[in-house]
Amino acid sequence: MSKIREEVRHRVPRLTMSLVLAVIFWIISAIVPGTVSGVAIPGLTVDAAFLVWAITMVITAIFLIRALSDALILGDIVTDIIVRRLGIKGERSPKRAGRDLIYIIVLILIATAILPITNLLEQNLRDSATIIVIYSALGIIIILIYDIGRIIYKIMEQRAESLAERLSKLAEQDKTSE
């Protein structure tokens, strides 16, 4: 238990700081490019506003990825706690189903965040990029939902077999007592 407590004490502040820094750099990406628009960078054919925006968005993405990794580890810990509270011991499948659900939520959030970026592309690329993002996310979500369904089916099958075994033992006891 102390290992879990130590992991939570390590991950929660790191997650918080990563999210705060991601928000700060996102705000910078919204404000600063407007102050340097129209400035050309020597040697590059890129506007300074776009370069500042791209750099700050990359830094924001780095902090979001770091926050996501910490959140997934904390999600695993929370999933373990919930599974234990439900009385399911020794089975890893419910934990994986919970993790799959978290992945679905994160995937929806990522796809939703990427779609506005595809609108910045030229018209002929915009439609293709939007379709790729939507169908890729949909395909992965379908696979994860299938995995959750398979896990639930396996758990129900085990429970049904256990119930059938108990009922058959009861039936055999009744026959031997006659």
Protein backbone atom coordinates (compact mmCIF):
# COMPACT_ATOMS: atom_id res chain seq x y z
CA MET A 1 0.00 0.00 0.00
CA SER A 2 2.87 2.38 0.71
CA LYS A 3 4.12 1.87 -2.87
CA ILE A 4 0.76 3.06 -4.20
CA ARG A 5 0.73 6.00 -1.80
CA GLU A 6 4.26 6.96 -2.85
CA GLU A 7 3.33 6.69 -6.54
CA VAL A 8 0.29 8.94 -6.02
CA ARG A 9 2.40 11.47 -4.08
CA HIS A 10 4.87 11.52 -6.96
CA ARG A 11 2.38 11.60 -9.86
CA VAL A 12 -0.30 14.06 -8.68
CA PRO A 13 2.03 17.11 -8.36
CA ARG A 14 3.71 16.20 -11.64
CA LEU A 15 0.34 15.88 -13.36
CA THR A 16 -0.80 19.21 -11.93
CA MET A 17 2.35 21.04 -13.00
CA SER A 18 2.23 19.52 -16.49
CA LEU A 19 -1.37 20.65 -16.92
CA VAL A 20 -0.60 24.14 -15.59
CA LEU A 21 2.38 24.51 -17.93
CA ALA A 22 0.33 23.21 -20.88
CA VAL A 23 -2.33 25.84 -20.19
CA ILE A 24 0.32 28.57 -19.84
CA PHE A 25 1.93 27.66 -23.18
CA TRP A 26 -1.48 27.38 -24.82
CA ILE A 27 -2.29 30.92 -23.62
CA ILE A 28 1.09 32.09 -24.91
CA SER A 29 0.31 30.47 -28.29
CA ALA A 30 -2.94 32.43 -28.42
CA ILE A 31 -1.50 35.82 -27.42
CA VAL A 32 2.13 36.14 -28.55
CA PRO A 33 1.77 35.32 -32.29
CA GLY A 34 -0.52 38.33 -32.70
CA THR A 35 2.25 40.60 -31.44
CA VAL A 36 4.79 39.40 -34.01
CA SER A 37 2.57 38.92 -37.05
CA GLY A 38 4.01 40.25 -40.26
CA VAL A 39 7.61 39.88 -39.06
CA ALA A 40 9.70 37.81 -41.45
CA ILE A 41 12.45 35.58 -40.13
CA PRO A 42 15.64 35.97 -42.18
CA GLY A 43 16.59 32.83 -44.08
CA LEU A 44 13.17 31.23 -43.66
CA THR A 45 10.03 31.83 -45.64
CA VAL A 46 7.93 31.50 -42.51
CA ASP A 47 6.07 34.25 -40.73
CA ALA A 48 7.28 34.77 -37.15
CA ALA A 49 3.72 34.50 -35.84
CA PHE A 50 3.34 31.01 -37.29
CA LEU A 51 6.75 29.93 -35.99
CA VAL A 52 6.00 31.16 -32.45
CA TRP A 53 2.59 29.51 -32.57
CA ALA A 54 4.04 26.20 -33.81
CA ILE A 55 6.79 26.14 -31.18
CA THR A 56 4.43 26.94 -28.33
CA MET A 57 1.94 24.32 -29.54
CA VAL A 58 4.69 21.69 -29.66
CA ILE A 59 5.70 22.58 -26.09
CA THR A 60 2.03 22.44 -25.06
CA ALA A 61 1.72 19.00 -26.66
CA ILE A 62 4.83 17.79 -24.81
CA PHE A 63 3.37 18.83 -21.46
CA LEU A 64 -0.01 17.30 -22.36
CA ILE A 65 1.64 14.00 -23.28
CA ARG A 66 3.54 14.03 -20.00
CA ALA A 67 0.29 14.78 -18.14
CA LEU A 68 -1.45 12.02 -20.07
CA SER A 69 1.16 9.44 -19.07
CA ASP A 70 0.82 10.45 -15.41
CA ALA A 71 -2.98 10.42 -15.68
CA LEU A 72 -2.96 6.93 -17.20
CA ILE A 73 -0.81 5.61 -14.35
CA LEU A 74 -3.10 7.27 -11.81
CA GLY A 75 -6.04 5.84 -13.75
CA ASP A 76 -4.55 2.36 -13.36
CA ILE A 77 -4.26 2.92 -9.61
CA VAL A 78 -7.86 4.16 -9.38
CA THR A 79 -9.03 1.22 -11.51
CA ASP A 80 -7.24 -1.21 -9.16
CA ILE A 81 -8.94 0.41 -6.17
CA ILE A 82 -12.39 0.29 -7.78
CA VAL A 83 -11.93 -3.33 -8.85
CA ARG A 84 -10.87 -4.27 -5.32
CA ARG A 85 -13.86 -2.42 -3.84
CA LEU A 86 -16.18 -4.33 -6.15
CA GLY A 87 -14.81 -7.53 -4.67
CA ILE A 88 -13.09 -8.78 -7.81
CA LYS A 89 -9.75 -10.15 -6.74
CA GLY A 90 -7.01 -11.69 -8.79
CA GLU A 91 -8.62 -10.94 -12.14
CA ARG A 92 -6.79 -8.55 -14.43
CA SER A 93 -9.51 -8.39 -17.08
CA PRO A 94 -11.79 -5.86 -15.35
CA LYS A 95 -8.77 -3.63 -14.90
CA ARG A 96 -8.05 -3.82 -18.61
CA ALA A 97 -11.68 -3.04 -19.45
CA GLY A 98 -11.48 0.06 -17.23
CA ARG A 99 -8.26 1.06 -18.91
CA ASP A 100 -9.87 0.59 -22.33
CA LEU A 101 -12.70 2.90 -21.28
CA ILE A 102 -10.17 5.53 -20.21
CA TYR A 103 -8.38 5.12 -23.56
CA ILE A 104 -11.66 5.68 -25.40
CA ILE A 105 -12.29 8.91 -23.50
CA VAL A 106 -8.72 10.12 -24.11
CA LEU A 107 -8.96 9.20 -27.79
CA ILE A 108 -12.17 11.20 -28.18
CA LEU A 109 -10.52 14.19 -26.49
CA ILE A 110 -7.42 13.93 -28.70
CA ALA A 111 -9.48 13.65 -31.90
CA THR A 112 -11.58 16.61 -30.82
CA ALA A 113 -8.42 18.64 -30.19
CA ILE A 114 -6.88 17.69 -33.56
CA LEU A 115 -9.92 18.56 -35.70
CA PRO A 116 -9.57 22.37 -35.31
CA ILE A 117 -5.92 22.05 -36.35
CA THR A 118 -6.98 20.30 -39.58
CA ASN A 119 -9.12 23.36 -40.38
CA LEU A 120 -5.90 25.37 -40.70
CA LEU A 121 -4.83 23.27 -43.69
CA GLU A 122 -5.61 24.07 -47.30
CA GLN A 123 -9.01 22.96 -48.60
CA ASN A 124 -7.77 19.91 -50.52
CA LEU A 125 -5.79 18.64 -47.50
CA ARG A 126 -8.36 19.69 -44.89
CA ASP A 127 -11.04 17.24 -45.97
CA SER A 128 -8.62 14.32 -46.22
CA ALA A 129 -7.02 15.08 -42.85
CA THR A 130 -10.42 15.39 -41.18
CA ILE A 131 -11.56 12.06 -42.62
CA ILE A 132 -8.32 10.36 -41.56
CA VAL A 133 -8.59 11.69 -37.99
CA ILE A 134 -12.27 10.75 -37.63
CA TYR A 135 -12.04 7.27 -39.11
CA SER A 136 -8.78 6.45 -37.33
CA ALA A 137 -10.30 7.41 -33.99
CA LEU A 138 -13.49 5.51 -34.83
CA GLY A 139 -11.55 2.38 -35.80
CA ILE A 140 -9.53 2.39 -32.59
CA ILE A 141 -12.66 3.04 -30.52
CA ILE A 142 -14.43 0.08 -32.18
CA ILE A 143 -11.46 -2.17 -31.37
CA LEU A 144 -11.45 -1.00 -27.74
CA ILE A 145 -15.22 -1.50 -27.42
CA TYR A 146 -14.82 -5.00 -28.86
CA ASP A 147 -12.11 -5.71 -26.29
CA ILE A 148 -14.37 -4.48 -23.47
CA GLY A 149 -17.21 -6.67 -24.77
CA ARG A 150 -14.92 -9.68 -24.97
CA ILE A 151 -13.73 -9.10 -21.39
CA ILE A 152 -17.31 -8.75 -20.11
CA TYR A 153 -18.32 -11.90 -22.02
CA LYS A 154 -15.39 -13.83 -20.51
CA ILE A 155 -16.30 -12.71 -16.98
CA MET A 156 -19.98 -13.60 -17.48
CA GLU A 157 -19.00 -16.97 -18.96
CA GLN A 158 -16.81 -17.75 -15.94
CA ARG A 159 -19.61 -16.74 -13.56
CA ALA A 160 -22.14 -18.88 -15.47
CA GLU A 161 -19.79 -21.89 -15.44
CA SER A 162 -19.27 -21.43 -11.71
CA LEU A 163 -23.03 -21.26 -11.14
CA ALA A 164 -23.62 -24.34 -13.31
CA GLU A 165 -20.94 -26.23 -11.36
CA ARG A 166 -22.59 -25.37 -8.04
CA LEU A 167 -26.02 -26.34 -9.34
CA SER A 168 -24.71 -29.68 -10.62
CA LYS A 169 -23.09 -30.38 -7.24
CA LEU A 170 -26.40 -29.60 -5.52
CA ALA A 171 -28.24 -31.93 -7.92
CA GLU A 172 -25.73 -34.72 -7.27
CA GLN A 173 -26.08 -34.25 -3.49
CA ASP A 174 -29.86 -34.50 -3.78
CA LYS A 175 -29.57 -37.77 -5.78
CA THR A 176 -27.15 -39.33 -3.29
CA SER A 177 -29.35 -38.40 -0.34
CA GLU A 178 -32.39 -40.24 -1.81
